[in-house]
Amino acid sequence: MNILEEAKSVVSRLSPSDRAELAFWLTSQSVELAPGIFSTPGVCGGDPCVGRTRIPVWVLESLGRQGLKEPDLLEAYPGLHAEDLARARAYVATHRDEIDQQIADSEHDGQE
């Protein structure tokens, strides 16, 4: 029996209230979308963030498009490292439409 099957077996024996509590807990957990890129419900609207920070990937991409270079970003966000920026760039490269939409949504929200 693999670990998922074991978990299902345990969950099937939980009371309804315990199942509800477990479901709530599961939905509040971070999900690693790509190496070093996490989405956490309730944090930055669930947008993909770098590491365990509250810095959305789209923010870094938007700043880069505005001309900020890596040293500028690392200075502006002292908790970030060059590896974090590389992971963000890799995520953008494979999720361009999603990031473009998040940037557009942010620009639209700023105009209201």
Protein backbone atom coordinates (compact mmCIF):
# COMPACT_ATOMS: atom_id res chain seq x y z
CA MET A 1 0.00 0.00 0.00
CA ASN A 2 1.43 3.39 -0.98
CA ILE A 3 1.19 6.44 1.24
CA LEU A 4 -1.78 7.90 -0.64
CA GLU A 5 -3.76 4.68 -0.21
CA GLU A 6 -2.85 4.68 3.50
CA ALA A 7 -4.05 8.28 3.82
CA LYS A 8 -7.35 7.43 2.11
CA SER A 9 -7.81 4.52 4.47
CA VAL A 10 -7.22 6.74 7.50
CA VAL A 11 -9.50 9.49 6.18
CA SER A 12 -12.32 7.02 5.57
CA ARG A 13 -12.31 6.26 9.32
CA LEU A 14 -12.52 9.92 10.40
CA SER A 15 -15.69 11.44 11.77
CA PRO A 16 -17.45 13.98 9.54
CA SER A 17 -16.21 16.87 11.69
CA ASP A 18 -12.64 15.57 11.58
CA ARG A 19 -12.90 15.20 7.80
CA ALA A 20 -14.10 18.80 7.55
CA GLU A 21 -11.19 19.97 9.69
CA LEU A 22 -8.74 17.99 7.56
CA ALA A 23 -10.23 19.41 4.35
CA PHE A 24 -9.88 22.95 5.70
CA TRP A 25 -6.27 22.27 6.67
CA LEU A 26 -5.43 20.78 3.27
CA THR A 27 -6.86 23.75 1.39
CA SER A 28 -4.74 26.16 3.44
CA GLN A 29 -1.45 24.49 2.57
CA SER A 30 1.10 25.85 0.13
CA VAL A 31 1.54 24.09 -3.17
CA GLU A 32 4.87 24.11 -4.96
CA LEU A 33 3.94 24.94 -8.56
CA ALA A 34 7.51 24.77 -9.82
CA PRO A 35 10.89 24.56 -8.09
CA GLY A 36 10.95 27.42 -5.58
CA ILE A 37 7.58 28.85 -6.68
CA PHE A 38 4.65 28.43 -4.29
CA SER A 39 0.95 29.24 -4.23
CA THR A 40 -0.71 29.56 -0.86
CA PRO A 41 -4.44 30.20 -0.51
CA GLY A 42 -5.03 33.52 1.19
CA VAL A 43 -1.52 34.81 0.47
CA CYS A 44 -1.26 37.34 -2.36
CA GLY A 45 -4.55 36.08 -3.73
CA GLY A 46 -3.00 32.65 -4.28
CA ASP A 47 -0.70 34.09 -6.96
CA PRO A 48 2.57 32.23 -7.46
CA CYS A 49 5.22 33.65 -5.13
CA VAL A 50 8.96 33.21 -4.89
CA GLY A 51 9.93 30.78 -2.16
CA ARG A 52 7.99 31.23 1.04
CA THR A 53 7.80 35.00 0.56
CA ARG A 54 4.88 37.23 -0.24
CA ILE A 55 6.55 38.41 -3.42
CA PRO A 56 4.48 37.41 -6.44
CA VAL A 57 6.32 36.30 -9.55
CA TRP A 58 4.28 38.74 -11.63
CA VAL A 59 5.59 41.68 -9.57
CA LEU A 60 9.20 40.74 -10.30
CA GLU A 61 8.40 40.24 -13.97
CA SER A 62 6.57 43.56 -14.17
CA LEU A 63 9.49 45.38 -12.54
CA GLY A 64 11.89 43.67 -14.94
CA ARG A 65 9.78 44.81 -17.89
CA GLN A 66 10.00 48.34 -16.49
CA GLY A 67 13.78 48.13 -16.70
CA LEU A 68 14.86 47.05 -13.21
CA LYS A 69 17.89 44.81 -13.46
CA GLU A 70 18.73 41.89 -11.19
CA PRO A 71 20.94 43.94 -8.83
CA ASP A 72 18.12 46.49 -8.45
CA LEU A 73 15.62 43.75 -7.62
CA LEU A 74 17.97 42.14 -5.10
CA GLU A 75 18.48 45.51 -3.45
CA ALA A 76 14.75 46.25 -3.40
CA TYR A 77 13.97 42.81 -1.97
CA PRO A 78 16.84 41.94 0.40
CA GLY A 79 15.32 38.55 1.25
CA LEU A 80 15.69 37.37 -2.34
CA HIS A 81 18.72 35.72 -3.88
CA ALA A 82 19.85 35.41 -7.47
CA GLU A 83 18.56 31.81 -7.47
CA ASP A 84 15.08 33.07 -6.56
CA LEU A 85 15.09 35.44 -9.52
CA ALA A 86 16.25 32.63 -11.81
CA ARG A 87 13.38 30.45 -10.58
CA ALA A 88 10.92 33.31 -11.15
CA ARG A 89 12.22 33.81 -14.70
CA ALA A 90 11.91 30.07 -15.39
CA TYR A 91 8.33 30.12 -14.11
CA VAL A 92 7.48 33.11 -16.29
CA ALA A 93 8.97 31.37 -19.33
CA THR A 94 6.60 28.42 -18.91
CA HIS A 95 3.56 30.39 -17.69
CA ARG A 96 3.72 33.53 -19.81
CA ASP A 97 -0.04 33.89 -20.39
CA GLU A 98 -0.81 33.53 -16.67
CA ILE A 99 1.81 36.12 -15.69
CA ASP A 100 0.73 38.51 -18.46
CA GLN A 101 -2.85 38.27 -17.18
CA GLN A 102 -1.82 38.92 -13.57
CA ILE A 103 0.14 41.99 -14.67
CA ALA A 104 -2.81 43.22 -16.75
CA ASP A 105 -5.20 42.64 -13.83
CA SER A 106 -2.92 44.60 -11.54
CA GLU A 107 -2.70 47.51 -13.99
CA HIS A 108 -6.49 47.49 -14.34
CA ASP A 109 -6.97 47.41 -10.55
CA GLY A 110 -4.61 50.36 -10.17
CA GLN A 111 -6.73 52.51 -12.51
CA GLU A 112 -9.97 52.14 -10.57
